[in-house]
Protein backbone atom coordinates (compact mmCIF):
# COMPACT_ATOMS: atom_id res chain seq x y z
CA MET A 1 -143.77 44.37 157.46
CA PRO A 2 -141.05 46.69 155.93
CA GLU A 3 -142.15 48.39 152.81
CA ILE A 4 -140.04 49.55 149.90
CA ASP A 5 -141.96 52.29 148.18
CA ILE A 6 -141.66 52.58 144.26
CA THR A 7 -143.20 54.90 141.87
CA VAL A 8 -143.61 54.52 138.10
CA ILE A 9 -144.38 57.62 136.02
CA ASN A 10 -144.00 57.64 132.51
CA LYS A 11 -142.83 54.15 132.38
CA ILE A 12 -139.82 55.09 134.73
CA ALA A 13 -139.59 53.14 137.95
CA GLN A 14 -137.89 54.97 140.79
CA LEU A 15 -137.35 54.36 144.58
CA GLY A 16 -139.60 56.56 146.77
CA ASP A 17 -136.38 57.43 148.87
CA LYS A 18 -133.27 56.96 146.94
CA TYR A 19 -131.37 55.93 150.39
CA THR A 20 -133.71 53.08 150.51
CA TYR A 21 -132.10 49.67 151.20
CA ALA A 22 -133.15 46.09 151.99
CA VAL A 23 -131.12 43.37 153.82
CA CYS A 24 -130.70 39.97 152.21
CA ASP A 25 -132.13 36.64 153.63
CA ASN A 26 -135.25 38.27 154.72
CA THR A 27 -138.86 37.23 153.57
CA ASP A 28 -141.00 40.01 155.28
CA TYR A 29 -140.44 42.79 152.51
CA VAL A 30 -143.34 44.03 150.73
CA VAL A 31 -143.02 46.44 147.51
CA LYS A 32 -145.76 49.23 147.40
CA TRP A 33 -146.16 50.47 143.95
CA THR A 34 -147.67 54.10 143.34
CA LEU A 35 -148.56 54.13 139.46
CA ASP A 36 -149.71 56.77 137.04
CA GLU A 37 -152.95 56.41 135.23
CA GLU A 38 -151.18 54.32 132.29
CA TRP A 39 -151.63 51.59 134.64
CA GLY A 40 -154.94 52.10 135.72
CA ALA A 41 -156.71 49.20 133.48
CA ALA A 42 -154.10 46.58 134.62
CA GLN A 43 -155.66 44.63 137.16
CA VAL A 44 -153.11 42.00 137.15
CA LYS A 45 -149.47 42.84 137.03
CA THR A 46 -146.17 41.19 137.24
CA ALA A 47 -143.33 42.47 139.28
CA VAL A 48 -139.75 41.42 138.31
CA PHE A 49 -136.81 40.88 140.70
CA ALA A 50 -133.39 40.41 139.26
CA TRP A 51 -130.17 40.23 141.17
CA LYS A 52 -126.55 38.55 140.86
CA SER A 53 -125.39 36.57 143.56
CA GLY A 54 -121.77 35.38 143.11
CA GLU A 55 -121.38 34.45 139.33
CA ASP A 56 -125.18 33.50 139.17
CA TYR A 57 -128.08 35.56 137.76
CA TYR A 58 -131.55 35.50 139.12
CA SER A 59 -134.77 36.74 137.93
CA VAL A 60 -138.19 35.96 139.87
CA PRO A 61 -141.49 37.11 138.45
CA THR A 62 -144.29 37.89 140.98
CA VAL A 63 -147.82 38.27 139.77
CA PHE A 64 -150.07 40.40 142.01
CA THR A 65 -153.09 42.68 142.00
CA GLY A 66 -153.63 45.95 143.86
CA ASP A 67 -150.63 48.10 145.06
CA THR A 68 -148.61 45.69 146.71
CA CYS A 69 -146.55 42.63 146.26
CA PRO A 70 -144.26 40.42 148.40
CA MET A 71 -140.33 40.52 147.86
CA PRO A 72 -138.90 37.30 147.24
CA LEU A 73 -136.02 35.64 149.32
CA ILE A 74 -132.79 37.57 147.93
CA GLN A 75 -129.56 36.20 148.95
CA ASN A 76 -125.75 37.30 148.87
CA ALA A 77 -126.60 40.27 146.76
CA ARG A 78 -125.45 43.83 146.02
CA LEU A 79 -128.08 45.29 144.02
CA CYS A 80 -131.73 44.23 142.92
CA ALA A 81 -133.36 45.70 140.01
CA ILE A 82 -137.19 45.79 140.23
CA GLY A 83 -139.53 46.55 137.43
CA LEU A 84 -142.98 46.09 136.31
CA PHE A 85 -144.72 44.98 133.45
CA SER A 86 -148.49 44.08 132.38
CA SER A 87 -149.92 42.59 129.39
CA PHE A 88 -153.63 42.39 127.79
CA GLU A 89 -154.76 39.48 125.14
CA ASP A 90 -157.88 39.21 123.13
CA GLY A 91 -160.46 36.25 123.77
CA GLU A 92 -158.23 33.88 121.47
CA GLY A 93 -154.92 34.53 123.48
CA ASN A 94 -153.29 37.21 121.14
CA LEU A 95 -151.08 39.78 122.67
CA ILE A 96 -152.73 43.15 122.10
CA GLN A 97 -151.11 45.45 124.46
CA LEU A 98 -147.76 45.14 126.97
CA GLN A 99 -146.73 47.73 129.14
CA THR A 100 -143.45 47.59 131.05
CA SER A 101 -141.34 49.96 133.10
CA THR A 102 -137.43 50.48 133.68
CA PRO A 103 -135.95 48.91 136.90
CA ALA A 104 -135.70 50.88 140.01
CA LEU A 105 -132.22 49.94 141.53
CA LEU A 106 -132.47 48.55 145.15
CA THR A 107 -129.34 48.45 147.24
CA MET A 108 -129.03 45.38 148.99
CA ARG A 109 -126.87 44.74 152.44
CA ARG A 110 -125.47 41.54 153.35
CA SER A 111 -127.04 39.89 156.52
CA ILE A 112 -125.15 37.86 158.72
CA LYS A 113 -126.40 34.46 156.96
CA SER A 114 -124.63 35.88 153.82
CA TYR A 115 -121.25 34.75 155.15
CA ASP A 116 -122.41 31.33 155.75
CA GLY A 117 -121.43 31.22 159.31
CA ALA A 118 -117.88 32.34 158.67
CA ALA A 119 -116.77 35.76 160.11
CA PRO A 120 -115.39 38.36 157.51
CA GLU A 121 -111.80 38.39 157.02
CA ILE A 122 -109.97 41.13 158.96
CA PRO A 123 -107.74 43.15 156.56
CA GLN A 124 -104.03 43.05 157.46
CA ASN A 125 -103.76 46.71 157.92
CA LEU A 126 -106.76 46.84 160.19
CA TYR A 127 -105.33 44.12 162.17
CA ASP A 128 -101.93 45.70 162.61
CA GLU A 129 -103.50 48.81 163.59
CA LEU A 130 -105.52 47.23 166.30
CA ILE A 131 -102.46 45.35 167.82
CA ALA A 132 -101.12 48.82 167.92
CA VAL A 133 -103.26 50.32 169.61
CA ILE A 134 -103.55 47.54 172.18
CA ASN A 135 -99.69 47.59 172.65
CA ALA A 136 -99.69 51.50 173.19
CA LYS A 137 -103.07 52.71 174.56
CA GLN A 138 -102.43 55.19 177.48
CA ASN A 139 -99.39 52.94 178.50
CA LYS A 140 -101.56 50.68 180.49
CA LEU A 141 -100.23 47.45 178.74
CA ILE A 142 -96.58 46.75 179.12
CA LYS A 143 -95.01 46.37 175.85
CA GLY A 144 -93.30 42.95 175.32
CA ASP A 145 -92.19 40.32 172.98
CA ASN A 146 -95.64 38.09 173.81
CA ILE A 147 -99.19 39.15 174.04
CA GLU A 148 -101.63 36.73 175.02
CA LEU A 149 -105.46 36.79 175.62
CA VAL A 150 -106.83 34.35 178.52
CA GLU A 151 -110.41 33.62 178.53
CA ASN A 152 -111.44 33.55 182.27
CA SER A 153 -113.99 31.27 183.74
CA ASP A 154 -116.44 34.40 184.25
CA GLY A 155 -116.55 35.30 180.78
CA THR A 156 -114.02 38.12 180.69
CA VAL A 157 -110.80 38.18 178.87
CA THR A 158 -107.32 39.03 180.47
CA ILE A 159 -104.73 40.76 178.24
CA SER A 160 -101.14 39.80 179.46
CA SER A 161 -97.71 40.58 178.23
CA THR A 162 -94.32 39.26 178.79
CA GLY A 163 -90.76 39.76 177.99
CA GLY A 164 -90.64 43.32 178.08
CA SER A 165 -90.56 46.43 180.25
CA GLY A 166 -92.72 49.69 180.28
CA THR A 167 -94.08 52.60 182.54
CA VAL A 168 -96.37 52.68 185.13
CA GLY A 169 -99.77 54.81 184.69
CA PRO A 170 -100.87 57.68 186.80
CA PRO A 171 -102.36 56.93 190.10
CA GLY A 172 -106.16 56.77 190.02
CA PRO A 173 -108.51 59.19 192.08
CA VAL A 174 -108.72 59.15 195.78
CA GLY A 175 -111.49 56.74 196.97
CA PRO A 176 -114.26 58.09 199.35
CA GLN A 177 -113.71 58.59 203.18
CA GLY A 178 -114.21 55.29 205.10
CA ASP A 179 -116.32 54.92 208.23
CA PRO A 180 -114.67 55.41 211.55
CA GLY A 181 -113.02 52.40 213.18
CA GLU A 182 -113.40 51.12 216.75
CA ASP A 183 -111.49 52.86 219.75
CA GLY A 184 -108.28 50.94 220.52
CA LYS A 185 -107.16 49.84 223.75
CA SER A 186 -104.94 52.10 225.98
CA ALA A 187 -101.47 51.09 227.10
CA TYR A 188 -102.42 50.10 230.66
CA GLU A 189 -105.07 47.68 229.10
CA LEU A 190 -102.68 46.20 226.94
CA ALA A 191 -100.25 45.63 229.94
CA VAL A 192 -103.00 44.24 231.81
CA GLN A 193 -103.73 41.85 228.99
CA GLN A 194 -100.21 40.93 228.89
CA GLY A 195 -100.11 39.92 232.72
CA TYR A 196 -99.57 43.13 234.73
CA GLU A 197 -101.41 42.97 237.98
CA GLY A 198 -101.16 46.77 239.39
CA THR A 199 -103.41 49.55 239.55
CA LEU A 200 -103.89 52.55 236.96
CA ASP A 201 -102.11 54.80 239.37
CA GLU A 202 -99.35 52.42 240.05
CA TRP A 203 -99.09 52.04 236.12
CA LEU A 204 -98.67 55.70 235.52
CA GLU A 205 -96.23 56.32 238.34
CA SER A 206 -93.99 53.20 237.08
């Protein structure tokens, strides 16, 4: 399971590596806590995961013991705040001590499921740039009025262009030397094949 390391010192929670990130729509992340002595007496702790998805805000408390806790399923978020608190009560249920930490801010990256099956929209300037590269790349595609992508039966795609003219690309490298061919027939043998009935000497004298 992938781990997210968080350290809490003097109530300040920080990621073990500031470049750490998590990917949305996964349920196998685990947060590993490294706590200072202030939390030594807290056998039961509560981690809080808070994030924004679209216009909605979510906050999920996770009660745990030990030094690890599971991370809840987070969807369509850019950032997740992760903090910690623990409370102590007397025998009558009165709160006698409350410990909290600041949140550590974890970068979230959107998964393919974050798009709900829809491919991200390509910006118009990037689209125009791709078309320009296709049209001009090494003059191998003839520039014309219409560009068509044809899906072949073998799974490949053919790019065709009509309505214009362009330059032919440079010749490719010379291929390897082929195997020697069989010896051909002599002129006499060809003549015999065509009906000549004389001898070779007679053929040579003719």
